[in-house]
């Protein structure tokens, strides 16, 4: 099968898997888990520039939970975000707001037709190449059922 990808209007502004974007936290709220036995930080990020400027992503960080592993993972992820934002000690959720950082977006497939964007964090030191234009895409493999 011969196929050559040509971007279309529907591809414009689509997040590219593995691309890095200038982002910031717009909202941060401490919430209680559905079961009522834990807490997590719920964050809303926005992409600040490029063809995906204005897009919204979300992140959750377990703070307390009956699962020690969930708390450990949450603390590791939150620690990476704090490093990217230059935060040494967290006193309140306001500290996260409107500070730019570099977020690398990875797609995490959770099942057929279900996926989540996972953001990895880095400082905005100018050393990470940014997604400033739509990426060049390869033709998908014939048996590729991925939703992106």
C-alpha atoms as a PDB file:
ATOM      1  CA  UNK A   1       0.000   0.000   0.000  1.00  0.00           C
ATOM      2  CA  UNK A   2       1.372   3.406  -0.943  1.00  0.00           C
ATOM      3  CA  UNK A   3       0.336   6.332   1.211  1.00  0.00           C
ATOM      4  CA  UNK A   4       1.640   9.846   1.578  1.00  0.00           C
ATOM      5  CA  UNK A   5       0.388  11.923   4.482  1.00  0.00           C
ATOM      6  CA  UNK A   6      -0.830  15.398   3.631  1.00  0.00           C
ATOM      7  CA  UNK A   7      -1.996  17.526   6.566  1.00  0.00           C
ATOM      8  CA  UNK A   8      -5.654  18.446   6.471  1.00  0.00           C
ATOM      9  CA  UNK A   9      -7.726  20.999   8.361  1.00  0.00           C
ATOM     10  CA  UNK A  10      -8.747  18.292  10.859  1.00  0.00           C
ATOM     11  CA  UNK A  11      -5.050  17.688  11.730  1.00  0.00           C
ATOM     12  CA  UNK A  12      -4.346  21.335  12.552  1.00  0.00           C
ATOM     13  CA  UNK A  13      -3.703  21.888  16.241  1.00  0.00           C
ATOM     14  CA  UNK A  14      -3.618  18.173  17.073  1.00  0.00           C
ATOM     15  CA  UNK A  15      -1.215  17.303  19.882  1.00  0.00           C
ATOM     16  CA  UNK A  16       1.758  15.334  18.622  1.00  0.00           C
ATOM     17  CA  UNK A  17       2.839  12.306  20.647  1.00  0.00           C
ATOM     18  CA  UNK A  18       6.252  13.023  22.183  1.00  0.00           C
ATOM     19  CA  UNK A  19       6.245  16.742  21.324  1.00  0.00           C
ATOM     20  CA  UNK A  20       7.237  19.433  23.831  1.00  0.00           C
ATOM     21  CA  UNK A  21       5.127  22.527  24.449  1.00  0.00           C
ATOM     22  CA  UNK A  22       5.404  25.681  26.524  1.00  0.00           C
ATOM     23  CA  UNK A  23       2.676  25.267  29.154  1.00  0.00           C
ATOM     24  CA  UNK A  24       1.454  26.642  32.458  1.00  0.00           C
ATOM     25  CA  UNK A  25      -0.894  25.567  35.241  1.00  0.00           C
ATOM     26  CA  UNK A  26      -4.151  27.528  35.025  1.00  0.00           C
ATOM     27  CA  UNK A  27      -6.034  25.867  37.900  1.00  0.00           C
ATOM     28  CA  UNK A  28      -4.979  23.741  40.842  1.00  0.00           C
ATOM     29  CA  UNK A  29      -7.331  22.317  43.443  1.00  0.00           C
ATOM     30  CA  UNK A  30      -6.994  19.802  46.263  1.00  0.00           C
ATOM     31  CA  UNK A  31      -9.831  17.267  45.924  1.00  0.00           C
ATOM     32  CA  UNK A  32     -11.096  14.234  47.793  1.00  0.00           C
ATOM     33  CA  UNK A  33     -11.111  10.887  45.992  1.00  0.00           C
ATOM     34  CA  UNK A  34     -14.467   9.324  45.069  1.00  0.00           C
ATOM     35  CA  UNK A  35     -14.014   6.722  47.806  1.00  0.00           C
ATOM     36  CA  UNK A  36     -13.423   9.504  50.342  1.00  0.00           C
ATOM     37  CA  UNK A  37     -10.251   7.937  51.733  1.00  0.00           C
ATOM     38  CA  UNK A  38      -7.678  10.009  49.852  1.00  0.00           C
ATOM     39  CA  UNK A  39      -6.823  13.366  48.358  1.00  0.00           C
ATOM     40  CA  UNK A  40      -5.236  14.495  45.107  1.00  0.00           C
ATOM     41  CA  UNK A  41      -4.213  17.687  43.358  1.00  0.00           C
ATOM     42  CA  UNK A  42      -6.235  18.262  40.195  1.00  0.00           C
ATOM     43  CA  UNK A  43      -4.504  20.599  37.735  1.00  0.00           C
ATOM     44  CA  UNK A  44      -5.562  22.149  34.459  1.00  0.00           C
ATOM     45  CA  UNK A  45      -2.734  23.087  32.103  1.00  0.00           C
ATOM     46  CA  UNK A  46      -2.862  25.236  28.998  1.00  0.00           C
ATOM     47  CA  UNK A  47      -0.476  25.189  26.062  1.00  0.00           C
ATOM     48  CA  UNK A  48       0.797  28.724  25.546  1.00  0.00           C
ATOM     49  CA  UNK A  49       2.137  28.803  21.997  1.00  0.00           C
ATOM     50  CA  UNK A  50       2.382  27.132  18.621  1.00  0.00           C
ATOM     51  CA  UNK A  51      -0.381  25.495  16.613  1.00  0.00           C
ATOM     52  CA  UNK A  52      -1.732  23.868  19.790  1.00  0.00           C
ATOM     53  CA  UNK A  53      -1.799  27.144  21.734  1.00  0.00           C
ATOM     54  CA  UNK A  54      -4.893  27.318  23.929  1.00  0.00           C
ATOM     55  CA  UNK A  55      -5.363  23.542  24.191  1.00  0.00           C
ATOM     56  CA  UNK A  56      -6.104  22.220  27.659  1.00  0.00           C
ATOM     57  CA  UNK A  57      -4.671  19.175  29.454  1.00  0.00           C
ATOM     58  CA  UNK A  58      -5.223  17.857  32.978  1.00  0.00           C
ATOM     59  CA  UNK A  59      -3.021  16.262  35.591  1.00  0.00           C
ATOM     60  CA  UNK A  60      -3.701  14.506  38.881  1.00  0.00           C
ATOM     61  CA  UNK A  61      -1.262  13.906  41.696  1.00  0.00           C
ATOM     62  CA  UNK A  62      -2.141  11.566  44.587  1.00  0.00           C
ATOM     63  CA  UNK A  63      -1.381  13.222  47.910  1.00  0.00           C
ATOM     64  CA  UNK A  64      -2.983  10.760  50.328  1.00  0.00           C
ATOM     65  CA  UNK A  65      -4.321   7.330  49.426  1.00  0.00           C
ATOM     66  CA  UNK A  66      -4.761   3.888  50.933  1.00  0.00           C
ATOM     67  CA  UNK A  67      -2.269   2.652  48.328  1.00  0.00           C
ATOM     68  CA  UNK A  68       1.286   3.547  49.338  1.00  0.00           C
ATOM     69  CA  UNK A  69       2.390   3.006  45.721  1.00  0.00           C
ATOM     70  CA  UNK A  70      -0.177   5.571  44.466  1.00  0.00           C
ATOM     71  CA  UNK A  71       1.159   8.124  46.971  1.00  0.00           C
ATOM     72  CA  UNK A  72       4.770   7.340  45.986  1.00  0.00           C
ATOM     73  CA  UNK A  73       3.994   7.830  42.273  1.00  0.00           C
ATOM     74  CA  UNK A  74       2.053  11.020  43.000  1.00  0.00           C
ATOM     75  CA  UNK A  75       4.932  12.445  45.028  1.00  0.00           C
ATOM     76  CA  UNK A  76       7.460  11.593  42.306  1.00  0.00           C
ATOM     77  CA  UNK A  77       5.344  13.254  39.608  1.00  0.00           C
ATOM     78  CA  UNK A  78       4.636  16.307  41.748  1.00  0.00           C
ATOM     79  CA  UNK A  79       8.328  16.593  42.593  1.00  0.00           C
ATOM     80  CA  UNK A  80       9.163  16.714  38.846  1.00  0.00           C
ATOM     81  CA  UNK A  81       6.589  19.453  38.280  1.00  0.00           C
ATOM     82  CA  UNK A  82       7.891  21.427  41.288  1.00  0.00           C
ATOM     83  CA  UNK A  83      11.424  21.189  39.886  1.00  0.00           C
ATOM     84  CA  UNK A  84      10.221  22.410  36.478  1.00  0.00           C
ATOM     85  CA  UNK A  85       8.437  25.345  38.130  1.00  0.00           C
ATOM     86  CA  UNK A  86      11.294  26.198  40.493  1.00  0.00           C
ATOM     87  CA  UNK A  87       9.252  25.432  43.626  1.00  0.00           C
ATOM     88  CA  UNK A  88      11.313  24.180  46.590  1.00  0.00           C
ATOM     89  CA  UNK A  89       8.495  23.795  49.112  1.00  0.00           C
ATOM     90  CA  UNK A  90       4.738  23.712  48.535  1.00  0.00           C
ATOM     91  CA  UNK A  91       2.641  25.717  50.987  1.00  0.00           C
ATOM     92  CA  UNK A  92      -0.510  26.200  48.912  1.00  0.00           C
ATOM     93  CA  UNK A  93      -1.928  25.448  45.469  1.00  0.00           C
ATOM     94  CA  UNK A  94      -1.505  29.059  44.304  1.00  0.00           C
ATOM     95  CA  UNK A  95       2.244  28.458  43.978  1.00  0.00           C
ATOM     96  CA  UNK A  96       1.673  26.351  40.839  1.00  0.00           C
ATOM     97  CA  UNK A  97      -0.326  28.921  38.911  1.00  0.00           C
ATOM     98  CA  UNK A  98       0.826  30.754  35.774  1.00  0.00           C
ATOM     99  CA  UNK A  99       4.489  29.723  35.827  1.00  0.00           C
ATOM    100  CA  UNK A 100       5.700  28.522  32.425  1.00  0.00           C
ATOM    101  CA  UNK A 101       7.313  25.119  32.024  1.00  0.00           C
ATOM    102  CA  UNK A 102       8.026  22.683  29.219  1.00  0.00           C
ATOM    103  CA  UNK A 103       5.579  19.791  29.027  1.00  0.00           C
ATOM    104  CA  UNK A 104       6.266  16.798  26.813  1.00  0.00           C
ATOM    105  CA  UNK A 105       2.993  15.120  25.883  1.00  0.00           C
ATOM    106  CA  UNK A 106       2.887  11.345  25.592  1.00  0.00           C
ATOM    107  CA  UNK A 107      -0.211   9.352  24.745  1.00  0.00           C
ATOM    108  CA  UNK A 108      -0.991   6.524  27.180  1.00  0.00           C
ATOM    109  CA  UNK A 109      -3.339   3.993  25.591  1.00  0.00           C
ATOM    110  CA  UNK A 110      -5.765   2.555  28.147  1.00  0.00           C
ATOM    111  CA  UNK A 111      -7.773   0.312  25.845  1.00  0.00           C
ATOM    112  CA  UNK A 112      -9.512   0.297  22.530  1.00  0.00           C
ATOM    113  CA  UNK A 113     -10.364   3.895  21.558  1.00  0.00           C
ATOM    114  CA  UNK A 114      -9.388   5.189  25.019  1.00  0.00           C
ATOM    115  CA  UNK A 115      -6.212   7.117  25.689  1.00  0.00           C
ATOM    116  CA  UNK A 116      -4.924   9.820  27.984  1.00  0.00           C
ATOM    117  CA  UNK A 117      -2.311  12.509  27.481  1.00  0.00           C
ATOM    118  CA  UNK A 118       0.489  12.186  30.025  1.00  0.00           C
ATOM    119  CA  UNK A 119       2.632  15.275  30.587  1.00  0.00           C
ATOM    120  CA  UNK A 120       6.324  14.982  31.507  1.00  0.00           C
ATOM    121  CA  UNK A 121       7.887  18.107  32.982  1.00  0.00           C
ATOM    122  CA  UNK A 122      11.081  20.077  32.410  1.00  0.00           C
ATOM    123  CA  UNK A 123      12.344  23.570  33.177  1.00  0.00           C
ATOM    124  CA  UNK A 124      11.894  26.217  30.520  1.00  0.00           C
ATOM    125  CA  UNK A 125      15.601  26.812  29.954  1.00  0.00           C
ATOM    126  CA  UNK A 126      15.417  27.047  26.166  1.00  0.00           C
ATOM    127  CA  UNK A 127      17.272  23.763  25.627  1.00  0.00           C
ATOM    128  CA  UNK A 128      14.263  21.627  24.661  1.00  0.00           C
ATOM    129  CA  UNK A 129      13.053  21.896  21.054  1.00  0.00           C
ATOM    130  CA  UNK A 130       9.479  23.140  20.988  1.00  0.00           C
ATOM    131  CA  UNK A 131       6.610  21.999  18.786  1.00  0.00           C
ATOM    132  CA  UNK A 132       6.271  25.113  16.659  1.00  0.00           C
ATOM    133  CA  UNK A 133       4.713  23.500  13.615  1.00  0.00           C
ATOM    134  CA  UNK A 134       2.729  20.409  12.867  1.00  0.00           C
ATOM    135  CA  UNK A 135       4.982  17.341  12.929  1.00  0.00           C
ATOM    136  CA  UNK A 136       5.687  15.332   9.814  1.00  0.00           C
ATOM    137  CA  UNK A 137       3.827  12.063  10.214  1.00  0.00           C
ATOM    138  CA  UNK A 138       4.603   8.656   8.842  1.00  0.00           C
ATOM    139  CA  UNK A 139       1.957   6.549   7.193  1.00  0.00           C
ATOM    140  CA  UNK A 140       0.402   4.262   9.824  1.00  0.00           C
ATOM    141  CA  UNK A 141       1.129   0.571   9.693  1.00  0.00           C
ATOM    142  CA  UNK A 142      -1.711  -1.448   8.200  1.00  0.00           C
ATOM    143  CA  UNK A 143      -2.463  -3.191  11.510  1.00  0.00           C
ATOM    144  CA  UNK A 144      -2.197  -0.040  13.683  1.00  0.00           C
ATOM    145  CA  UNK A 145      -5.382   0.371  15.749  1.00  0.00           C
ATOM    146  CA  UNK A 146      -4.064   3.255  17.880  1.00  0.00           C
ATOM    147  CA  UNK A 147      -6.519   6.172  18.226  1.00  0.00           C
ATOM    148  CA  UNK A 148      -3.897   8.765  17.283  1.00  0.00           C
END
